[in-house]
N, C-alpha and C. Protein backbone atom coordinates (compact mmCIF):
# COMPACT_ATOMS: atom_id res chain seq x y z
N MET A 1 -48.19 -20.00 -73.93
CA MET A 1 -47.96 -19.06 -74.99
C MET A 1 -47.77 -19.84 -76.29
N ALA A 2 -48.32 -19.34 -77.39
CA ALA A 2 -48.18 -19.98 -78.68
C ALA A 2 -46.74 -19.86 -79.16
N SER A 3 -46.30 -20.84 -79.93
CA SER A 3 -44.94 -20.77 -80.44
C SER A 3 -44.84 -19.65 -81.46
N ARG A 4 -43.63 -19.18 -81.67
CA ARG A 4 -43.40 -18.06 -82.59
C ARG A 4 -43.93 -18.38 -83.99
N SER A 5 -43.71 -19.59 -84.48
CA SER A 5 -44.14 -19.91 -85.84
C SER A 5 -45.66 -20.06 -85.94
N ALA A 6 -46.33 -20.39 -84.85
CA ALA A 6 -47.78 -20.58 -84.89
C ALA A 6 -48.54 -19.26 -84.76
N ASP A 7 -47.88 -18.22 -84.32
CA ASP A 7 -48.56 -16.94 -84.11
C ASP A 7 -48.45 -16.08 -85.36
N PRO A 8 -49.57 -15.79 -86.03
CA PRO A 8 -49.52 -15.00 -87.25
C PRO A 8 -49.11 -13.55 -87.01
N ARG A 9 -49.04 -13.12 -85.77
CA ARG A 9 -48.68 -11.74 -85.48
C ARG A 9 -47.17 -11.54 -85.40
N THR A 10 -46.41 -12.57 -85.62
CA THR A 10 -44.96 -12.43 -85.62
C THR A 10 -44.45 -12.71 -87.01
N SER A 11 -43.28 -12.16 -87.34
CA SER A 11 -42.76 -12.35 -88.68
C SER A 11 -41.29 -12.71 -88.65
N SER A 12 -40.98 -13.87 -89.10
CA SER A 12 -39.61 -14.37 -89.31
C SER A 12 -38.61 -13.95 -88.24
N GLY A 13 -39.04 -13.98 -86.98
CA GLY A 13 -38.11 -13.72 -85.89
C GLY A 13 -37.81 -12.25 -85.63
N SER A 14 -38.31 -11.33 -86.45
CA SER A 14 -37.96 -9.92 -86.26
C SER A 14 -38.85 -9.21 -85.26
N SER A 15 -40.05 -9.72 -85.03
CA SER A 15 -40.97 -9.10 -84.10
C SER A 15 -41.12 -9.97 -82.86
N PRO A 16 -41.28 -9.34 -81.70
CA PRO A 16 -41.45 -10.14 -80.48
C PRO A 16 -42.78 -10.89 -80.52
N ALA A 17 -42.79 -12.09 -79.96
CA ALA A 17 -44.02 -12.87 -79.87
C ALA A 17 -44.94 -12.20 -78.85
N ILE A 18 -46.20 -12.08 -79.21
CA ILE A 18 -47.20 -11.45 -78.34
C ILE A 18 -48.24 -12.50 -78.01
N ASP A 19 -48.39 -12.82 -76.72
CA ASP A 19 -49.37 -13.83 -76.33
C ASP A 19 -50.74 -13.18 -76.13
N ALA A 20 -51.73 -14.03 -75.87
CA ALA A 20 -53.11 -13.58 -75.75
C ALA A 20 -53.30 -12.59 -74.60
N VAL A 21 -52.57 -12.77 -73.51
CA VAL A 21 -52.71 -11.86 -72.36
C VAL A 21 -52.17 -10.47 -72.71
N SER A 22 -51.02 -10.43 -73.38
CA SER A 22 -50.48 -9.13 -73.80
C SER A 22 -51.41 -8.44 -74.79
N LEU A 23 -52.00 -9.22 -75.69
CA LEU A 23 -52.97 -8.64 -76.62
C LEU A 23 -54.17 -8.07 -75.87
N ALA A 24 -54.61 -8.76 -74.84
CA ALA A 24 -55.74 -8.27 -74.04
C ALA A 24 -55.36 -6.98 -73.30
N ILE A 25 -54.13 -6.90 -72.84
CA ILE A 25 -53.65 -5.66 -72.18
C ILE A 25 -53.64 -4.52 -73.18
N ILE A 26 -53.13 -4.78 -74.37
CA ILE A 26 -53.10 -3.75 -75.42
C ILE A 26 -54.52 -3.28 -75.73
N GLU A 27 -55.44 -4.21 -75.84
CA GLU A 27 -56.84 -3.86 -76.13
C GLU A 27 -57.42 -2.96 -75.03
N GLN A 28 -57.12 -3.29 -73.78
CA GLN A 28 -57.58 -2.47 -72.66
C GLN A 28 -57.04 -1.04 -72.77
N LEU A 29 -55.76 -0.92 -73.11
CA LEU A 29 -55.14 0.41 -73.22
C LEU A 29 -55.62 1.16 -74.45
N GLN A 30 -55.99 0.44 -75.50
CA GLN A 30 -56.54 1.11 -76.68
C GLN A 30 -57.91 1.70 -76.36
N GLU A 31 -58.66 1.05 -75.52
CA GLU A 31 -59.96 1.59 -75.11
C GLU A 31 -59.79 2.81 -74.24
N ASP A 32 -58.78 2.79 -73.36
CA ASP A 32 -58.51 3.91 -72.46
C ASP A 32 -57.05 3.85 -72.04
N GLY A 33 -56.22 4.70 -72.62
CA GLY A 33 -54.79 4.70 -72.34
C GLY A 33 -54.44 5.08 -70.91
N ARG A 34 -55.41 5.59 -70.16
CA ARG A 34 -55.17 5.96 -68.76
C ARG A 34 -55.80 4.97 -67.78
N ARG A 35 -56.29 3.86 -68.29
CA ARG A 35 -56.91 2.85 -67.44
C ARG A 35 -55.90 2.37 -66.40
N PRO A 36 -56.27 2.31 -65.14
CA PRO A 36 -55.33 1.86 -64.09
C PRO A 36 -54.90 0.41 -64.30
N TYR A 37 -53.66 0.13 -63.96
CA TYR A 37 -53.14 -1.22 -64.10
C TYR A 37 -53.95 -2.23 -63.28
N ALA A 38 -54.46 -1.81 -62.13
CA ALA A 38 -55.28 -2.72 -61.32
C ALA A 38 -56.54 -3.12 -62.07
N ALA A 39 -57.18 -2.17 -62.77
CA ALA A 39 -58.39 -2.48 -63.54
C ALA A 39 -58.05 -3.38 -64.73
N ILE A 40 -56.92 -3.13 -65.37
CA ILE A 40 -56.50 -3.98 -66.48
C ILE A 40 -56.22 -5.39 -65.96
N GLY A 41 -55.53 -5.48 -64.83
CA GLY A 41 -55.23 -6.78 -64.23
C GLY A 41 -56.48 -7.58 -63.96
N LYS A 42 -57.48 -6.91 -63.43
CA LYS A 42 -58.76 -7.59 -63.14
C LYS A 42 -59.39 -8.12 -64.43
N ALA A 43 -59.31 -7.33 -65.49
CA ALA A 43 -59.92 -7.71 -66.77
C ALA A 43 -59.18 -8.86 -67.45
N VAL A 44 -57.86 -8.94 -67.25
CA VAL A 44 -57.07 -9.96 -67.97
C VAL A 44 -56.57 -11.08 -67.07
N GLY A 45 -56.85 -11.00 -65.76
CA GLY A 45 -56.47 -12.08 -64.85
C GLY A 45 -55.04 -12.03 -64.35
N LEU A 46 -54.49 -10.83 -64.22
CA LEU A 46 -53.13 -10.67 -63.69
C LEU A 46 -53.14 -9.68 -62.53
N SER A 47 -52.07 -9.69 -61.77
CA SER A 47 -51.91 -8.70 -60.70
C SER A 47 -51.53 -7.35 -61.32
N GLU A 48 -51.70 -6.30 -60.55
CA GLU A 48 -51.31 -4.96 -61.01
C GLU A 48 -49.82 -4.94 -61.36
N ALA A 49 -48.99 -5.56 -60.53
CA ALA A 49 -47.54 -5.58 -60.77
C ALA A 49 -47.21 -6.32 -62.07
N ALA A 50 -47.89 -7.42 -62.33
CA ALA A 50 -47.64 -8.18 -63.56
C ALA A 50 -48.04 -7.37 -64.79
N VAL A 51 -49.15 -6.65 -64.69
CA VAL A 51 -49.57 -5.79 -65.80
C VAL A 51 -48.53 -4.70 -66.03
N ARG A 52 -48.09 -4.07 -64.96
CA ARG A 52 -47.08 -3.01 -65.07
C ARG A 52 -45.83 -3.53 -65.79
N GLN A 53 -45.37 -4.73 -65.42
CA GLN A 53 -44.18 -5.32 -66.05
C GLN A 53 -44.42 -5.60 -67.53
N ARG A 54 -45.58 -6.15 -67.84
CA ARG A 54 -45.88 -6.46 -69.25
C ARG A 54 -45.99 -5.19 -70.08
N VAL A 55 -46.64 -4.16 -69.54
CA VAL A 55 -46.77 -2.90 -70.28
C VAL A 55 -45.38 -2.32 -70.53
N GLN A 56 -44.53 -2.33 -69.52
CA GLN A 56 -43.17 -1.80 -69.70
C GLN A 56 -42.41 -2.58 -70.76
N LYS A 57 -42.57 -3.90 -70.77
CA LYS A 57 -41.90 -4.73 -71.78
C LYS A 57 -42.42 -4.40 -73.18
N LEU A 58 -43.73 -4.23 -73.32
CA LEU A 58 -44.31 -3.87 -74.62
C LEU A 58 -43.81 -2.51 -75.09
N LEU A 59 -43.67 -1.59 -74.17
CA LEU A 59 -43.13 -0.27 -74.51
C LEU A 59 -41.65 -0.38 -74.90
N ASP A 60 -40.88 -1.11 -74.12
CA ASP A 60 -39.45 -1.28 -74.39
C ASP A 60 -39.19 -1.96 -75.73
N GLN A 61 -40.06 -2.88 -76.12
CA GLN A 61 -39.90 -3.61 -77.38
C GLN A 61 -40.50 -2.84 -78.57
N ASN A 62 -41.01 -1.64 -78.33
CA ASN A 62 -41.65 -0.83 -79.37
C ASN A 62 -42.84 -1.53 -80.02
N VAL A 63 -43.49 -2.39 -79.24
CA VAL A 63 -44.71 -3.03 -79.71
C VAL A 63 -45.85 -2.02 -79.71
N MET A 64 -45.82 -1.10 -78.75
CA MET A 64 -46.87 -0.10 -78.64
C MET A 64 -46.29 1.19 -78.05
N GLN A 65 -47.08 2.24 -78.16
CA GLN A 65 -46.82 3.52 -77.52
C GLN A 65 -48.11 3.93 -76.82
N ILE A 66 -47.98 4.68 -75.76
CA ILE A 66 -49.15 5.25 -75.11
C ILE A 66 -49.03 6.76 -75.31
N VAL A 67 -49.94 7.33 -76.11
CA VAL A 67 -49.85 8.74 -76.47
C VAL A 67 -51.23 9.38 -76.43
N ALA A 68 -51.24 10.70 -76.38
CA ALA A 68 -52.49 11.44 -76.52
C ALA A 68 -52.71 11.69 -78.01
N VAL A 69 -53.84 11.26 -78.53
CA VAL A 69 -54.17 11.48 -79.93
C VAL A 69 -55.08 12.69 -80.01
N THR A 70 -54.70 13.64 -80.85
CA THR A 70 -55.48 14.87 -80.97
C THR A 70 -56.17 14.94 -82.33
N ASP A 71 -57.15 15.79 -82.42
CA ASP A 71 -57.74 16.17 -83.70
C ASP A 71 -56.91 17.35 -84.18
N PRO A 72 -56.16 17.19 -85.28
CA PRO A 72 -55.29 18.28 -85.73
C PRO A 72 -55.99 19.62 -85.88
N LEU A 73 -57.25 19.61 -86.31
CA LEU A 73 -57.98 20.87 -86.48
C LEU A 73 -58.11 21.65 -85.18
N THR A 74 -58.29 20.94 -84.08
CA THR A 74 -58.52 21.63 -82.80
C THR A 74 -57.24 22.18 -82.19
N VAL A 75 -56.08 21.75 -82.71
CA VAL A 75 -54.81 22.25 -82.16
C VAL A 75 -54.03 23.07 -83.18
N GLY A 76 -54.74 23.63 -84.18
CA GLY A 76 -54.14 24.60 -85.08
C GLY A 76 -53.58 24.07 -86.38
N PHE A 77 -53.81 22.80 -86.70
CA PHE A 77 -53.33 22.26 -87.97
C PHE A 77 -54.52 22.06 -88.90
N ARG A 78 -54.68 22.97 -89.84
CA ARG A 78 -55.88 23.03 -90.67
C ARG A 78 -55.77 22.30 -92.00
N ARG A 79 -54.58 21.77 -92.29
CA ARG A 79 -54.42 21.08 -93.58
C ARG A 79 -53.68 19.76 -93.40
N GLN A 80 -54.32 18.70 -93.87
CA GLN A 80 -53.70 17.38 -93.90
C GLN A 80 -53.73 16.88 -95.33
N ALA A 81 -52.71 16.11 -95.69
CA ALA A 81 -52.67 15.55 -97.03
C ALA A 81 -51.86 14.26 -97.01
N MET A 82 -52.16 13.41 -97.97
CA MET A 82 -51.35 12.23 -98.22
C MET A 82 -50.56 12.53 -99.48
N LEU A 83 -49.26 12.26 -99.44
CA LEU A 83 -48.40 12.46 -100.59
C LEU A 83 -47.98 11.11 -101.14
N GLY A 84 -48.17 10.93 -102.43
CA GLY A 84 -47.62 9.77 -103.12
C GLY A 84 -46.31 10.23 -103.75
N ILE A 85 -45.23 9.52 -103.48
CA ILE A 85 -43.91 9.96 -103.93
C ILE A 85 -43.23 8.83 -104.71
N ASN A 86 -42.69 9.19 -105.88
CA ASN A 86 -41.88 8.26 -106.66
C ASN A 86 -40.42 8.66 -106.54
N VAL A 87 -39.57 7.65 -106.41
CA VAL A 87 -38.16 7.86 -106.12
C VAL A 87 -37.31 7.20 -107.19
N GLU A 88 -36.22 7.85 -107.54
CA GLU A 88 -35.21 7.23 -108.41
C GLU A 88 -34.15 6.63 -107.51
N GLY A 89 -33.83 5.36 -107.74
CA GLY A 89 -32.80 4.71 -106.94
C GLY A 89 -33.34 4.22 -105.61
N ASP A 90 -32.46 4.21 -104.61
CA ASP A 90 -32.76 3.68 -103.29
C ASP A 90 -33.82 4.51 -102.57
N VAL A 91 -34.86 3.87 -102.11
CA VAL A 91 -35.96 4.54 -101.42
C VAL A 91 -35.59 4.90 -99.98
N ASP A 92 -34.73 4.12 -99.35
CA ASP A 92 -34.41 4.30 -97.93
C ASP A 92 -33.95 5.72 -97.57
N PRO A 93 -33.00 6.33 -98.28
CA PRO A 93 -32.57 7.67 -97.87
C PRO A 93 -33.69 8.71 -97.94
N VAL A 94 -34.56 8.58 -98.92
CA VAL A 94 -35.69 9.51 -99.02
C VAL A 94 -36.66 9.27 -97.87
N ALA A 95 -36.96 8.00 -97.59
CA ALA A 95 -37.85 7.67 -96.47
C ALA A 95 -37.27 8.18 -95.16
N ASP A 96 -35.96 8.03 -94.97
CA ASP A 96 -35.32 8.52 -93.75
C ASP A 96 -35.42 10.04 -93.62
N ALA A 97 -35.21 10.75 -94.72
CA ALA A 97 -35.30 12.21 -94.70
C ALA A 97 -36.72 12.67 -94.38
N LEU A 98 -37.70 12.00 -94.96
CA LEU A 98 -39.10 12.34 -94.68
C LEU A 98 -39.46 12.04 -93.23
N THR A 99 -38.96 10.92 -92.73
CA THR A 99 -39.22 10.54 -91.34
C THR A 99 -38.71 11.61 -90.37
N ALA A 100 -37.65 12.28 -90.73
CA ALA A 100 -37.08 13.32 -89.87
C ALA A 100 -37.87 14.63 -89.89
N MET A 101 -38.77 14.80 -90.85
CA MET A 101 -39.56 16.04 -90.94
C MET A 101 -40.72 15.98 -89.96
N PRO A 102 -40.87 16.98 -89.11
CA PRO A 102 -41.95 16.94 -88.12
C PRO A 102 -43.35 16.92 -88.73
N GLU A 103 -43.52 17.45 -89.92
CA GLU A 103 -44.85 17.47 -90.56
C GLU A 103 -45.27 16.08 -91.06
N CYS A 104 -44.32 15.20 -91.26
CA CYS A 104 -44.61 13.86 -91.78
C CYS A 104 -44.97 12.94 -90.62
N GLU A 105 -46.23 12.60 -90.53
CA GLU A 105 -46.74 11.79 -89.43
C GLU A 105 -46.72 10.30 -89.74
N TYR A 106 -46.66 9.97 -91.01
CA TYR A 106 -46.78 8.58 -91.44
C TYR A 106 -45.95 8.43 -92.70
N VAL A 107 -44.99 7.56 -92.70
CA VAL A 107 -44.15 7.32 -93.87
C VAL A 107 -44.09 5.81 -94.08
N VAL A 108 -44.52 5.38 -95.27
CA VAL A 108 -44.53 3.94 -95.55
C VAL A 108 -44.03 3.69 -96.97
N MET A 109 -43.18 2.67 -97.10
CA MET A 109 -42.74 2.23 -98.42
C MET A 109 -43.83 1.33 -98.98
N THR A 110 -44.13 1.50 -100.26
CA THR A 110 -45.24 0.77 -100.84
C THR A 110 -44.83 0.09 -102.15
N ALA A 111 -45.68 -0.80 -102.59
CA ALA A 111 -45.59 -1.39 -103.92
C ALA A 111 -46.80 -0.88 -104.68
N GLY A 112 -46.63 -0.53 -105.92
CA GLY A 112 -47.75 -0.03 -106.71
C GLY A 112 -47.37 1.25 -107.41
N SER A 113 -48.30 2.17 -107.49
CA SER A 113 -48.10 3.41 -108.24
C SER A 113 -47.07 4.33 -107.61
N PHE A 114 -46.87 4.24 -106.31
CA PHE A 114 -45.93 5.11 -105.61
C PHE A 114 -44.93 4.27 -104.82
N ASP A 115 -43.74 4.83 -104.65
CA ASP A 115 -42.72 4.18 -103.83
C ASP A 115 -42.94 4.45 -102.34
N LEU A 116 -43.48 5.63 -102.06
CA LEU A 116 -43.73 6.05 -100.67
C LEU A 116 -45.09 6.71 -100.58
N MET A 117 -45.75 6.49 -99.46
CA MET A 117 -46.96 7.25 -99.12
C MET A 117 -46.64 7.94 -97.80
N VAL A 118 -46.92 9.25 -97.77
CA VAL A 118 -46.54 10.06 -96.61
C VAL A 118 -47.73 10.94 -96.22
N GLU A 119 -48.14 10.83 -94.96
CA GLU A 119 -49.19 11.72 -94.46
C GLU A 119 -48.51 12.92 -93.82
N VAL A 120 -48.96 14.10 -94.24
CA VAL A 120 -48.42 15.34 -93.67
C VAL A 120 -49.52 16.12 -92.99
N VAL A 121 -49.16 16.76 -91.89
CA VAL A 121 -50.09 17.60 -91.14
C VAL A 121 -49.47 18.99 -91.07
N CYS A 122 -50.19 19.98 -91.60
CA CYS A 122 -49.66 21.34 -91.71
C CYS A 122 -50.62 22.36 -91.11
N GLU A 123 -50.09 23.55 -90.85
CA GLU A 123 -50.92 24.60 -90.27
C GLU A 123 -51.96 25.13 -91.25
N ASP A 124 -51.59 25.22 -92.53
CA ASP A 124 -52.49 25.77 -93.54
C ASP A 124 -51.96 25.41 -94.93
N ASP A 125 -52.63 25.89 -95.98
CA ASP A 125 -52.22 25.57 -97.34
C ASP A 125 -50.83 26.09 -97.66
N GLU A 126 -50.49 27.27 -97.17
CA GLU A 126 -49.16 27.83 -97.42
C GLU A 126 -48.07 26.94 -96.82
N HIS A 127 -48.30 26.46 -95.63
CA HIS A 127 -47.36 25.55 -94.98
C HIS A 127 -47.24 24.25 -95.78
N LEU A 128 -48.36 23.70 -96.24
CA LEU A 128 -48.35 22.49 -97.05
C LEU A 128 -47.56 22.71 -98.33
N LEU A 129 -47.79 23.83 -98.99
CA LEU A 129 -47.07 24.15 -100.23
C LEU A 129 -45.56 24.24 -99.97
N ASP A 130 -45.18 24.84 -98.87
CA ASP A 130 -43.77 24.96 -98.50
C ASP A 130 -43.16 23.57 -98.27
N VAL A 131 -43.88 22.72 -97.56
CA VAL A 131 -43.37 21.37 -97.29
C VAL A 131 -43.17 20.61 -98.60
N ILE A 132 -44.17 20.67 -99.48
CA ILE A 132 -44.08 19.91 -100.74
C ILE A 132 -43.01 20.49 -101.66
N ASN A 133 -43.07 21.79 -101.93
CA ASN A 133 -42.18 22.40 -102.92
C ASN A 133 -40.74 22.57 -102.45
N LYS A 134 -40.55 22.99 -101.23
CA LYS A 134 -39.22 23.37 -100.77
C LYS A 134 -38.51 22.28 -99.99
N ARG A 135 -39.26 21.29 -99.50
CA ARG A 135 -38.61 20.28 -98.67
C ARG A 135 -38.72 18.88 -99.23
N VAL A 136 -39.90 18.49 -99.71
CA VAL A 136 -40.05 17.13 -100.23
C VAL A 136 -39.50 17.03 -101.65
N ARG A 137 -39.95 17.89 -102.54
CA ARG A 137 -39.53 17.79 -103.95
C ARG A 137 -38.05 18.07 -104.16
N THR A 138 -37.40 18.73 -103.22
CA THR A 138 -35.98 19.03 -103.36
C THR A 138 -35.08 17.93 -102.79
N LEU A 139 -35.65 16.91 -102.19
CA LEU A 139 -34.84 15.82 -101.66
C LEU A 139 -34.17 15.06 -102.81
N PRO A 140 -32.90 14.75 -102.68
CA PRO A 140 -32.23 13.95 -103.71
C PRO A 140 -32.94 12.60 -103.88
N GLY A 141 -33.24 12.27 -105.12
CA GLY A 141 -33.91 11.01 -105.42
C GLY A 141 -35.40 11.13 -105.65
N VAL A 142 -36.02 12.22 -105.22
CA VAL A 142 -37.46 12.38 -105.44
C VAL A 142 -37.68 12.71 -106.91
N ARG A 143 -38.42 11.84 -107.59
CA ARG A 143 -38.70 12.03 -109.01
C ARG A 143 -40.01 12.77 -109.23
N SER A 144 -41.05 12.40 -108.45
CA SER A 144 -42.35 13.06 -108.60
C SER A 144 -43.17 12.89 -107.33
N THR A 145 -44.14 13.79 -107.18
CA THR A 145 -45.06 13.72 -106.05
C THR A 145 -46.48 13.92 -106.56
N GLU A 146 -47.42 13.36 -105.84
CA GLU A 146 -48.84 13.63 -106.07
C GLU A 146 -49.48 13.85 -104.72
N SER A 147 -50.26 14.92 -104.62
CA SER A 147 -50.85 15.30 -103.34
C SER A 147 -52.33 14.96 -103.31
N PHE A 148 -52.76 14.41 -102.18
CA PHE A 148 -54.16 14.09 -101.94
C PHE A 148 -54.58 14.86 -100.69
N VAL A 149 -55.17 16.03 -100.90
CA VAL A 149 -55.54 16.90 -99.78
C VAL A 149 -56.81 16.36 -99.13
N TYR A 150 -56.79 16.29 -97.80
CA TYR A 150 -57.94 15.81 -97.06
C TYR A 150 -59.00 16.91 -96.99
N LEU A 151 -60.20 16.58 -97.41
CA LEU A 151 -61.31 17.53 -97.29
C LEU A 151 -62.08 17.31 -96.00
N LYS A 152 -62.25 16.04 -95.62
CA LYS A 152 -62.96 15.72 -94.40
C LYS A 152 -62.52 14.35 -93.91
N LEU A 153 -62.17 14.26 -92.66
CA LEU A 153 -61.79 12.99 -92.07
C LEU A 153 -63.04 12.30 -91.54
N LYS A 154 -63.36 11.14 -92.09
CA LYS A 154 -64.57 10.44 -91.69
C LYS A 154 -64.30 9.39 -90.61
N LYS A 155 -63.12 8.80 -90.59
CA LYS A 155 -62.83 7.77 -89.60
C LYS A 155 -61.33 7.75 -89.33
N GLN A 156 -61.00 7.70 -88.07
CA GLN A 156 -59.62 7.51 -87.66
C GLN A 156 -59.68 6.69 -86.37
N THR A 157 -59.07 5.52 -86.41
CA THR A 157 -59.11 4.65 -85.26
C THR A 157 -57.76 3.99 -85.07
N TYR A 158 -57.49 3.59 -83.86
CA TYR A 158 -56.24 2.92 -83.53
C TYR A 158 -56.51 1.59 -82.88
N MET A 159 -57.63 0.98 -83.18
CA MET A 159 -58.04 -0.27 -82.53
C MET A 159 -57.63 -1.51 -83.31
N TRP A 160 -56.93 -1.38 -84.40
CA TRP A 160 -56.59 -2.51 -85.24
C TRP A 160 -55.55 -3.44 -84.64
N GLY A 161 -54.87 -3.03 -83.61
CA GLY A 161 -53.74 -3.78 -83.09
C GLY A 161 -54.05 -5.12 -82.47
N THR A 162 -55.28 -5.44 -82.16
CA THR A 162 -55.55 -6.69 -81.46
C THR A 162 -56.58 -7.58 -82.15
N ARG A 163 -57.11 -7.18 -83.27
CA ARG A 163 -58.13 -8.05 -83.89
C ARG A 163 -57.54 -9.14 -84.71
C-alpha cells in the first residue's frame, strides 16, 4: 500500500488512505452496485470474504455509499435547480440548515461569486418557489440567492471516484 503522503487521494490525515485494490473494488461497484462479492473478488484478486470486509470498511469510513440512483423525472420530481447563495457572516450554520432540507441534494461551500452552491430537487415550479422563498431566503444569514433552473440534464455520472 502506498504511504499516506504519497497518495494524492488523501488529504492531511483527514481522509482514510485508499489503496489500489480498494479503488478497484469501488470501480467494480460503480459499474454495478449489485455485483456479487465473488465476481468482484475474481476481478481484483481477492476472496469473497476479503471483498466483503473491504466493502464494509469503505462503508464504515464513509468513503462510499451504495445507493439506487433514480432519474428524478421518472419518480415525480419535475423541477431541478442549482442555487447560488451568498451569506453574511459564518457560512456553516446556513450550510447545515440547507443540508437538513430534504429537497437539497447537494450542498457545497465555494470560493467565487457564491458562498454556497445547492442543488435542489422539487416536485414542480410551485414547490421550487416555496423552497426558495419560504425556506432558503428566510434562513438567518442568507443575503441573496440566484437560481439556475435545469432545462435538460445531458450528463450525470458517478464514475469519478476512481480515475
